[in-house]
């Protein structure tokens, strides 16, 4: 068996065989659908309320328009960066007409005070699309193998 990076009980990483792979906590909107007959913009507002910079990964995944889709068909946005303390940052991703999409947020550390809200817009700076707003409190938390 090949060696894989793992976390021990104290958060330290090392290579060992036959142990649990490193997993990151990811916050997700779940699958949303652009039910318009034209593309829309997914607008994301991210705020770091910590007193220190925080490393984050923000993704918008395209789940296509098929009835059954095994994996995302493309990545519409994938940014990993440090967000300065007490800072709001905005991102936008273009969502094709009638396609399904998902917004994910992974925070390396100090994730309690990093908040994300997303909503659909008809264009960048345009009006909000009813039904495509996901507030920070509505994101679901899942565990996925190594994202940051």
N, C-alpha and C. Protein backbone atom coordinates (compact mmCIF):
# COMPACT_ATOMS: atom_id res chain seq x y z
N UNK A 1 0.85 -1.18 0.00
CA UNK A 1 0.00 0.00 0.00
C UNK A 1 0.89 1.23 0.00
N UNK A 2 0.55 2.23 -0.79
CA UNK A 2 1.34 3.45 -0.85
C UNK A 2 1.10 4.29 0.40
N UNK A 3 2.08 5.17 0.68
CA UNK A 3 1.93 6.05 1.82
C UNK A 3 1.02 7.21 1.44
N UNK A 4 0.18 7.63 2.37
CA UNK A 4 -0.74 8.73 2.18
C UNK A 4 -0.61 9.65 3.38
N UNK A 5 -0.81 10.97 3.17
CA UNK A 5 -0.71 11.92 4.26
C UNK A 5 -1.95 11.81 5.15
N UNK A 6 -1.73 11.80 6.46
CA UNK A 6 -2.80 11.65 7.43
C UNK A 6 -2.66 12.66 8.54
N UNK A 7 -3.77 12.93 9.22
CA UNK A 7 -3.75 13.75 10.43
C UNK A 7 -3.80 12.82 11.63
N UNK A 8 -2.98 13.11 12.63
CA UNK A 8 -3.11 12.37 13.87
C UNK A 8 -4.12 13.08 14.76
N UNK A 9 -4.31 12.62 15.98
CA UNK A 9 -5.32 13.18 16.87
C UNK A 9 -4.99 14.60 17.32
N UNK A 10 -3.76 15.07 17.08
CA UNK A 10 -3.36 16.40 17.52
C UNK A 10 -3.24 17.37 16.35
N UNK A 11 -3.72 17.01 15.17
CA UNK A 11 -3.69 17.88 14.01
C UNK A 11 -2.37 17.88 13.27
N UNK A 12 -1.41 17.05 13.68
CA UNK A 12 -0.13 16.97 13.00
C UNK A 12 -0.23 16.03 11.82
N UNK A 13 0.43 16.39 10.73
CA UNK A 13 0.41 15.56 9.53
C UNK A 13 1.65 14.70 9.47
N UNK A 14 1.48 13.49 9.05
CA UNK A 14 2.61 12.60 8.82
C UNK A 14 2.16 11.50 7.87
N UNK A 15 3.13 10.77 7.34
CA UNK A 15 2.80 9.69 6.41
C UNK A 15 2.79 8.36 7.16
N UNK A 16 1.67 7.67 7.05
CA UNK A 16 1.53 6.36 7.67
C UNK A 16 0.64 5.50 6.79
N UNK A 17 0.76 4.21 6.95
CA UNK A 17 -0.11 3.27 6.24
C UNK A 17 -1.28 2.89 7.13
N UNK A 18 -2.40 2.52 6.51
CA UNK A 18 -3.56 1.95 7.20
C UNK A 18 -4.20 2.91 8.21
N UNK A 19 -4.16 4.20 7.95
CA UNK A 19 -4.82 5.17 8.81
C UNK A 19 -5.83 5.97 7.99
N UNK A 20 -6.61 6.75 8.67
CA UNK A 20 -7.66 7.56 8.05
C UNK A 20 -7.04 8.72 7.25
N UNK A 21 -7.45 8.93 5.95
CA UNK A 21 -6.92 10.05 5.16
C UNK A 21 -7.32 11.40 5.77
N UNK A 22 -6.53 12.43 5.45
CA UNK A 22 -6.85 13.78 5.91
C UNK A 22 -8.16 14.21 5.29
N UNK A 23 -9.03 14.78 6.11
CA UNK A 23 -10.32 15.25 5.63
C UNK A 23 -10.48 16.71 6.06
N UNK A 24 -11.09 17.49 5.21
CA UNK A 24 -11.35 18.89 5.51
C UNK A 24 -12.84 19.11 5.64
N UNK A 25 -13.19 20.03 6.51
CA UNK A 25 -14.58 20.43 6.64
C UNK A 25 -14.89 21.43 5.54
N UNK A 26 -15.93 21.14 4.78
CA UNK A 26 -16.33 21.97 3.66
C UNK A 26 -17.78 22.39 3.89
N UNK A 27 -18.06 23.66 3.63
CA UNK A 27 -19.43 24.15 3.72
C UNK A 27 -19.97 24.27 2.30
N UNK A 28 -21.18 23.78 2.07
CA UNK A 28 -21.75 23.73 0.72
C UNK A 28 -23.19 24.20 0.69
N UNK A 29 -23.57 24.78 -0.43
CA UNK A 29 -24.97 25.15 -0.66
C UNK A 29 -25.81 23.92 -0.99
N UNK A 30 -25.14 22.82 -1.37
CA UNK A 30 -25.86 21.73 -2.01
C UNK A 30 -26.07 22.13 -3.46
N UNK A 31 -26.84 21.38 -4.19
CA UNK A 31 -27.04 21.64 -5.62
C UNK A 31 -28.16 22.66 -5.82
N UNK A 32 -27.84 23.70 -6.57
CA UNK A 32 -28.82 24.72 -6.95
C UNK A 32 -29.02 24.63 -8.46
N UNK A 33 -30.13 25.15 -8.97
CA UNK A 33 -30.36 25.12 -10.41
C UNK A 33 -30.65 26.51 -10.95
N UNK A 34 -29.92 26.87 -12.00
CA UNK A 34 -30.26 28.06 -12.76
C UNK A 34 -31.44 27.67 -13.64
N UNK A 35 -32.64 28.00 -13.23
CA UNK A 35 -33.82 27.59 -13.98
C UNK A 35 -34.26 28.66 -14.99
N UNK A 36 -33.35 29.60 -15.28
CA UNK A 36 -33.64 30.60 -16.30
C UNK A 36 -33.26 30.08 -17.68
N UNK A 37 -33.80 30.70 -18.69
CA UNK A 37 -33.49 30.30 -20.08
C UNK A 37 -32.21 30.99 -20.57
N UNK A 38 -31.49 31.64 -19.66
CA UNK A 38 -30.23 32.29 -20.02
C UNK A 38 -29.26 32.16 -18.85
N UNK A 39 -28.00 32.45 -19.12
CA UNK A 39 -26.98 32.36 -18.07
C UNK A 39 -27.28 33.37 -16.97
N UNK A 40 -26.86 33.05 -15.75
CA UNK A 40 -26.95 33.98 -14.64
C UNK A 40 -25.60 34.06 -13.95
N UNK A 41 -25.45 35.04 -13.10
CA UNK A 41 -24.22 35.21 -12.34
C UNK A 41 -24.46 34.79 -10.90
N UNK A 42 -23.64 33.87 -10.40
CA UNK A 42 -23.68 33.53 -8.98
C UNK A 42 -22.76 34.52 -8.28
N UNK A 43 -23.31 35.35 -7.41
CA UNK A 43 -22.54 36.34 -6.67
C UNK A 43 -22.28 35.79 -5.27
N UNK A 44 -21.03 35.84 -4.83
CA UNK A 44 -20.64 35.33 -3.53
C UNK A 44 -20.03 36.47 -2.71
N UNK A 45 -20.53 36.68 -1.50
CA UNK A 45 -19.96 37.64 -0.56
C UNK A 45 -19.33 36.87 0.59
N UNK A 46 -18.02 37.04 0.75
CA UNK A 46 -17.26 36.34 1.78
C UNK A 46 -16.70 37.37 2.75
N UNK A 47 -16.84 37.15 4.04
CA UNK A 47 -16.31 38.07 5.03
C UNK A 47 -15.50 37.29 6.07
N UNK A 48 -14.32 37.82 6.40
CA UNK A 48 -13.48 37.28 7.46
C UNK A 48 -13.58 38.23 8.65
N UNK A 49 -14.27 37.81 9.70
CA UNK A 49 -14.44 38.64 10.89
C UNK A 49 -13.38 38.36 11.95
N UNK A 50 -12.40 37.53 11.62
CA UNK A 50 -11.30 37.24 12.53
C UNK A 50 -10.35 38.43 12.60
N UNK A 51 -9.48 38.42 13.60
CA UNK A 51 -8.47 39.48 13.74
C UNK A 51 -7.17 39.12 13.04
N UNK A 52 -7.17 37.99 12.33
CA UNK A 52 -6.01 37.54 11.57
C UNK A 52 -6.46 37.12 10.17
N UNK A 53 -5.55 37.13 9.19
CA UNK A 53 -5.89 36.61 7.86
C UNK A 53 -6.24 35.12 7.94
N UNK A 54 -7.09 34.67 7.04
CA UNK A 54 -7.52 33.28 7.02
C UNK A 54 -7.42 32.76 5.59
N UNK A 55 -6.87 31.54 5.43
CA UNK A 55 -6.80 30.94 4.12
C UNK A 55 -8.12 30.26 3.80
N UNK A 56 -8.67 30.55 2.63
CA UNK A 56 -9.94 29.97 2.20
C UNK A 56 -9.82 29.43 0.79
N UNK A 57 -10.69 28.50 0.48
CA UNK A 57 -10.87 28.05 -0.90
C UNK A 57 -12.35 28.20 -1.23
N UNK A 58 -12.65 28.94 -2.28
CA UNK A 58 -14.02 29.16 -2.73
C UNK A 58 -14.16 28.50 -4.09
N UNK A 59 -15.19 27.65 -4.23
CA UNK A 59 -15.42 26.95 -5.49
C UNK A 59 -16.87 27.08 -5.92
N UNK A 60 -17.07 27.19 -7.21
CA UNK A 60 -18.40 27.05 -7.80
C UNK A 60 -18.26 25.92 -8.82
N UNK A 61 -18.98 24.83 -8.56
CA UNK A 61 -18.88 23.63 -9.40
C UNK A 61 -20.10 23.53 -10.30
N UNK A 62 -19.87 23.19 -11.56
CA UNK A 62 -20.93 23.02 -12.55
C UNK A 62 -21.34 21.55 -12.57
N UNK A 63 -22.57 21.27 -12.16
CA UNK A 63 -23.09 19.90 -12.14
C UNK A 63 -23.88 19.57 -13.40
N UNK A 64 -23.82 20.42 -14.41
CA UNK A 64 -24.43 20.12 -15.69
C UNK A 64 -25.95 20.19 -15.68
N UNK A 65 -26.54 19.65 -16.74
CA UNK A 65 -28.00 19.67 -16.85
C UNK A 65 -28.60 18.28 -17.05
N UNK A 66 -27.79 17.24 -16.86
CA UNK A 66 -28.31 15.87 -16.98
C UNK A 66 -29.15 15.52 -15.75
N UNK A 67 -30.05 14.55 -15.90
CA UNK A 67 -30.87 14.10 -14.79
C UNK A 67 -30.00 13.43 -13.73
N UNK A 68 -29.05 12.61 -14.16
CA UNK A 68 -28.10 11.96 -13.26
C UNK A 68 -26.70 12.37 -13.66
N UNK A 69 -25.95 12.91 -12.71
CA UNK A 69 -24.59 13.37 -12.98
C UNK A 69 -23.68 12.84 -11.87
N UNK A 70 -22.66 12.05 -12.24
CA UNK A 70 -21.77 11.43 -11.26
C UNK A 70 -20.80 12.41 -10.63
N UNK A 71 -20.20 13.29 -11.40
CA UNK A 71 -19.24 14.26 -10.90
C UNK A 71 -19.53 15.61 -11.56
N UNK A 72 -19.00 16.71 -10.97
CA UNK A 72 -19.16 17.99 -11.65
C UNK A 72 -18.56 17.93 -13.05
N UNK A 73 -19.18 18.61 -14.01
CA UNK A 73 -18.69 18.60 -15.39
C UNK A 73 -17.60 19.64 -15.61
N UNK A 74 -17.56 20.66 -14.75
CA UNK A 74 -16.50 21.66 -14.83
C UNK A 74 -16.46 22.47 -13.54
N UNK A 75 -15.43 23.27 -13.41
CA UNK A 75 -15.29 24.19 -12.28
C UNK A 75 -15.43 25.60 -12.82
N UNK A 76 -16.41 26.32 -12.31
CA UNK A 76 -16.68 27.66 -12.80
C UNK A 76 -15.88 28.72 -12.04
N UNK A 77 -15.46 28.38 -10.83
CA UNK A 77 -14.64 29.27 -10.00
C UNK A 77 -13.89 28.40 -9.01
N UNK A 78 -12.60 28.63 -8.86
CA UNK A 78 -11.80 27.89 -7.88
C UNK A 78 -10.65 28.79 -7.45
N UNK A 79 -10.82 29.43 -6.30
CA UNK A 79 -9.85 30.39 -5.80
C UNK A 79 -9.42 29.99 -4.40
N UNK A 80 -8.10 29.91 -4.19
CA UNK A 80 -7.54 29.70 -2.87
C UNK A 80 -6.68 30.92 -2.57
N UNK A 81 -6.99 31.60 -1.46
CA UNK A 81 -6.23 32.79 -1.11
C UNK A 81 -6.40 33.11 0.37
N UNK A 82 -5.55 34.00 0.87
CA UNK A 82 -5.70 34.51 2.22
C UNK A 82 -6.61 35.72 2.18
N UNK A 83 -7.61 35.74 3.06
CA UNK A 83 -8.51 36.88 3.19
C UNK A 83 -8.03 37.66 4.41
N UNK A 84 -7.68 38.93 4.24
CA UNK A 84 -7.21 39.72 5.39
C UNK A 84 -8.27 39.81 6.49
N UNK A 85 -7.82 40.13 7.69
CA UNK A 85 -8.72 40.28 8.84
C UNK A 85 -9.76 41.36 8.57
N UNK A 86 -10.97 41.14 9.06
CA UNK A 86 -12.06 42.11 8.97
C UNK A 86 -12.25 42.65 7.56
N UNK A 87 -12.31 41.73 6.60
CA UNK A 87 -12.41 42.11 5.20
C UNK A 87 -13.54 41.36 4.52
N UNK A 88 -14.26 42.07 3.64
CA UNK A 88 -15.28 41.46 2.78
C UNK A 88 -14.69 41.37 1.38
N UNK A 89 -14.89 40.22 0.74
CA UNK A 89 -14.43 39.98 -0.62
C UNK A 89 -15.59 39.41 -1.42
N UNK A 90 -15.73 39.85 -2.66
CA UNK A 90 -16.82 39.36 -3.52
C UNK A 90 -16.25 38.60 -4.70
N UNK A 91 -16.96 37.55 -5.11
CA UNK A 91 -16.61 36.74 -6.27
C UNK A 91 -17.86 36.57 -7.13
N UNK A 92 -17.66 36.33 -8.43
CA UNK A 92 -18.76 36.06 -9.34
C UNK A 92 -18.41 34.89 -10.24
N UNK A 93 -19.41 34.09 -10.58
CA UNK A 93 -19.22 32.97 -11.52
C UNK A 93 -20.42 32.93 -12.45
N UNK A 94 -20.16 32.72 -13.73
CA UNK A 94 -21.22 32.65 -14.73
C UNK A 94 -21.78 31.23 -14.79
N UNK A 95 -23.08 31.09 -14.59
CA UNK A 95 -23.75 29.80 -14.57
C UNK A 95 -24.55 29.65 -15.87
N UNK A 96 -24.28 28.61 -16.67
CA UNK A 96 -25.02 28.42 -17.92
C UNK A 96 -26.52 28.22 -17.68
N UNK A 97 -27.32 28.58 -18.67
CA UNK A 97 -28.77 28.42 -18.59
C UNK A 97 -29.14 26.97 -18.32
N UNK A 98 -30.09 26.77 -17.42
CA UNK A 98 -30.65 25.45 -17.07
C UNK A 98 -29.66 24.50 -16.43
N UNK A 99 -28.48 24.95 -16.02
CA UNK A 99 -27.49 24.07 -15.40
C UNK A 99 -27.61 24.10 -13.88
N UNK A 100 -27.15 23.02 -13.26
CA UNK A 100 -27.08 22.90 -11.81
C UNK A 100 -25.68 23.33 -11.36
N UNK A 101 -25.60 23.92 -10.17
CA UNK A 101 -24.30 24.34 -9.65
C UNK A 101 -24.27 24.22 -8.13
N UNK A 102 -23.07 24.26 -7.59
CA UNK A 102 -22.86 24.15 -6.14
C UNK A 102 -21.78 25.15 -5.75
N UNK A 103 -21.96 25.82 -4.62
CA UNK A 103 -20.95 26.72 -4.06
C UNK A 103 -20.36 26.04 -2.83
N UNK A 104 -19.01 25.98 -2.79
CA UNK A 104 -18.30 25.36 -1.66
C UNK A 104 -17.33 26.36 -1.04
N UNK A 105 -17.19 26.27 0.29
CA UNK A 105 -16.22 27.07 1.03
C UNK A 105 -15.43 26.15 1.95
N UNK A 106 -14.10 26.20 1.81
CA UNK A 106 -13.21 25.46 2.70
C UNK A 106 -12.33 26.49 3.39
N UNK A 107 -12.25 26.42 4.72
CA UNK A 107 -11.44 27.35 5.49
C UNK A 107 -10.38 26.56 6.23
N UNK A 108 -9.12 26.96 6.07
CA UNK A 108 -8.01 26.20 6.65
C UNK A 108 -8.06 26.19 8.17
N UNK A 109 -8.19 27.35 8.80
CA UNK A 109 -8.25 27.46 10.26
C UNK A 109 -9.13 28.65 10.63
N UNK A 110 -9.48 28.77 11.91
CA UNK A 110 -10.27 29.91 12.39
C UNK A 110 -11.55 30.10 11.58
N UNK A 111 -12.24 29.00 11.28
CA UNK A 111 -13.38 29.08 10.37
C UNK A 111 -14.67 29.58 11.01
N UNK A 112 -14.68 29.78 12.31
CA UNK A 112 -15.92 30.17 12.98
C UNK A 112 -16.39 31.56 12.57
N UNK A 113 -15.47 32.43 12.21
CA UNK A 113 -15.84 33.81 11.89
C UNK A 113 -15.64 34.14 10.42
N UNK A 114 -15.73 33.13 9.57
CA UNK A 114 -15.69 33.34 8.13
C UNK A 114 -17.08 32.99 7.60
N UNK A 115 -17.73 33.98 7.01
CA UNK A 115 -19.12 33.83 6.58
C UNK A 115 -19.24 34.00 5.07
N UNK A 116 -20.15 33.24 4.45
CA UNK A 116 -20.36 33.31 3.01
C UNK A 116 -21.85 33.34 2.72
N UNK A 117 -22.24 34.25 1.87
CA UNK A 117 -23.61 34.34 1.37
C UNK A 117 -23.53 34.33 -0.16
N UNK A 118 -24.46 33.66 -0.81
CA UNK A 118 -24.47 33.65 -2.27
C UNK A 118 -25.89 33.88 -2.78
N UNK A 119 -25.98 34.52 -3.92
CA UNK A 119 -27.28 34.69 -4.57
C UNK A 119 -27.08 34.82 -6.06
N UNK A 120 -28.12 34.46 -6.81
CA UNK A 120 -28.09 34.57 -8.26
C UNK A 120 -28.46 35.97 -8.68
N UNK A 121 -27.78 36.46 -9.73
CA UNK A 121 -28.07 37.77 -10.32
C UNK A 121 -28.30 37.60 -11.81
N UNK A 122 -29.13 38.46 -12.37
CA UNK A 122 -29.38 38.40 -13.81
C UNK A 122 -28.13 38.78 -14.60
N UNK A 123 -27.31 39.65 -14.05
CA UNK A 123 -26.01 40.05 -14.60
C UNK A 123 -25.15 40.52 -13.44
N UNK A 124 -23.86 40.72 -13.66
CA UNK A 124 -23.03 41.29 -12.60
C UNK A 124 -23.57 42.68 -12.30
N UNK A 125 -23.94 42.90 -11.07
CA UNK A 125 -24.54 44.18 -10.68
C UNK A 125 -26.03 44.26 -10.94
N UNK A 126 -26.61 43.21 -11.55
CA UNK A 126 -28.03 43.20 -11.87
C UNK A 126 -28.88 42.76 -10.69
N UNK A 127 -30.18 42.61 -10.94
CA UNK A 127 -31.12 42.24 -9.90
C UNK A 127 -30.95 40.80 -9.44
N UNK A 128 -31.40 40.53 -8.22
CA UNK A 128 -31.32 39.18 -7.66
C UNK A 128 -32.41 38.29 -8.24
N UNK A 129 -32.06 37.01 -8.42
CA UNK A 129 -33.01 36.01 -8.91
C UNK A 129 -33.68 35.38 -7.70
N UNK A 130 -35.00 35.46 -7.64
CA UNK A 130 -35.76 34.90 -6.53
C UNK A 130 -35.51 33.40 -6.43
N UNK A 131 -35.24 32.92 -5.22
CA UNK A 131 -35.07 31.50 -4.97
C UNK A 131 -33.64 31.01 -5.04
N UNK A 132 -32.68 31.86 -5.42
CA UNK A 132 -31.29 31.41 -5.52
C UNK A 132 -30.39 32.11 -4.49
N UNK A 133 -30.95 32.49 -3.36
CA UNK A 133 -30.17 33.08 -2.28
C UNK A 133 -29.92 32.01 -1.23
N UNK A 134 -28.66 31.86 -0.83
CA UNK A 134 -28.30 30.94 0.25
C UNK A 134 -27.52 31.76 1.28
N UNK A 135 -28.11 31.90 2.46
CA UNK A 135 -27.46 32.62 3.55
C UNK A 135 -26.42 31.74 4.22
N UNK A 136 -25.48 32.36 4.93
CA UNK A 136 -24.43 31.60 5.60
C UNK A 136 -25.01 30.49 6.48
N UNK A 137 -26.07 30.78 7.22
CA UNK A 137 -26.67 29.80 8.13
C UNK A 137 -27.32 28.63 7.40
N UNK A 138 -27.53 28.75 6.09
CA UNK A 138 -28.16 27.68 5.31
C UNK A 138 -27.16 26.74 4.65
N UNK A 139 -25.87 27.08 4.70
CA UNK A 139 -24.86 26.17 4.15
C UNK A 139 -24.81 24.91 4.99
N UNK A 140 -24.55 23.79 4.35
CA UNK A 140 -24.41 22.50 5.04
C UNK A 140 -22.92 22.18 5.19
N UNK A 141 -22.56 21.51 6.27
CA UNK A 141 -21.17 21.14 6.52
C UNK A 141 -20.99 19.66 6.20
N UNK A 142 -19.97 19.37 5.37
CA UNK A 142 -19.64 18.00 4.99
C UNK A 142 -18.14 17.81 5.14
N UNK A 143 -17.69 16.56 5.14
CA UNK A 143 -16.26 16.26 5.16
C UNK A 143 -15.87 15.66 3.82
N UNK A 144 -14.83 16.22 3.22
CA UNK A 144 -14.32 15.76 1.93
C UNK A 144 -12.82 15.60 2.06
N UNK A 145 -12.27 14.56 1.42
CA UNK A 145 -10.82 14.37 1.49
C UNK A 145 -10.09 15.54 0.90
N UNK A 146 -9.02 15.95 1.55
CA UNK A 146 -8.12 17.05 1.26
C UNK A 146 -8.57 17.99 0.17
N UNK A 147 -8.97 19.21 0.56
CA UNK A 147 -9.38 20.27 -0.37
C UNK A 147 -8.41 21.43 -0.36
N UNK A 148 -7.80 21.75 0.77
CA UNK A 148 -6.78 22.83 0.82
C UNK A 148 -5.46 22.17 1.13
